[in-house]
């Protein structure tokens, strides 16, 4: 995982190093330098060989700096970079609560009244203790940094042993969220981990103290399977939701409540069956340069 401040490396560094090599080779190509000793060899050595050696030595620091400044790594950045921030994680560590080097703040550790998000290797999930229900002390974790207001979050869903009826297992994406003691704000986009007629997606806003929240909108279906990819974005006051790249909801916050905050994730459990580890995320990406996810060619869904 990595917190990446988008940066385009200055091409001057690489081109300057190359120009040094070109200058030496152009000036001395085909000539012989007398009294030059290279690797212990006595006599005259072609200047082109010396030039290449000198050019590479001089250019090496510039190439090292060029590589160090370039984005990349295990996960990469799935969206174009400008003056934007992107964070990607596959949850490589076991942590309770999730931290990843102080990159996250949590609902209980930092907010006191809610629950934390924890991880085992390759999975993030909630820590609510069943049986649960009101108060709505969702497990929440937000990225601990300053973000531009237009944001997108995307995550890969883990869901097994799905429960129906009066048991509710929800995975959540958060946008423009904040957490402080006894006070949480932001937009929560939740998906019920279930297939069938009782599935839904919902958009809530959290208004500070525990249980102070309201709903902006919802849609029935299409349900979640293990490995599905959920995404949500906010641009201005418009929130859009996708499952596997297919848009399933779009709505607006008429009051445009929150103009700042950070993306994140959350989990909610209500009922007496199931387990927190039965549902969660296996990967998570956030960016403050919103894009439209791509839908796979073989994906279809229906809204109920």
Foldseek 3Di string as FASTA:
>chain_A
DDKDQDDDDDCCLQVVLVVQLVVQCVVQPPHWDAQDADPNDHGIDRSNVVSNVVSCVVSVVSVVVNVVRDFDDDPTDPDDHDRKIKDKDQQQAWDVADQPPPQKDWCCVFAVQAWAWTDHGLWIWTDDDPQDDPQFRWTWMFTDDWGAQKKKKKFWKFADPADDDQKWKKKWKWGQWDGHHQFIWTKIWIWTADADFATKIWIKTGGTGTPRIDTFDMFTDDHDDHGWMKMWIADQFKIWIDIQLHTDDITGDVVSPGRTHGMTIIMTIHDHDDDRRNMGTSMMMMMNPDDRDHHDPPDDTDTD
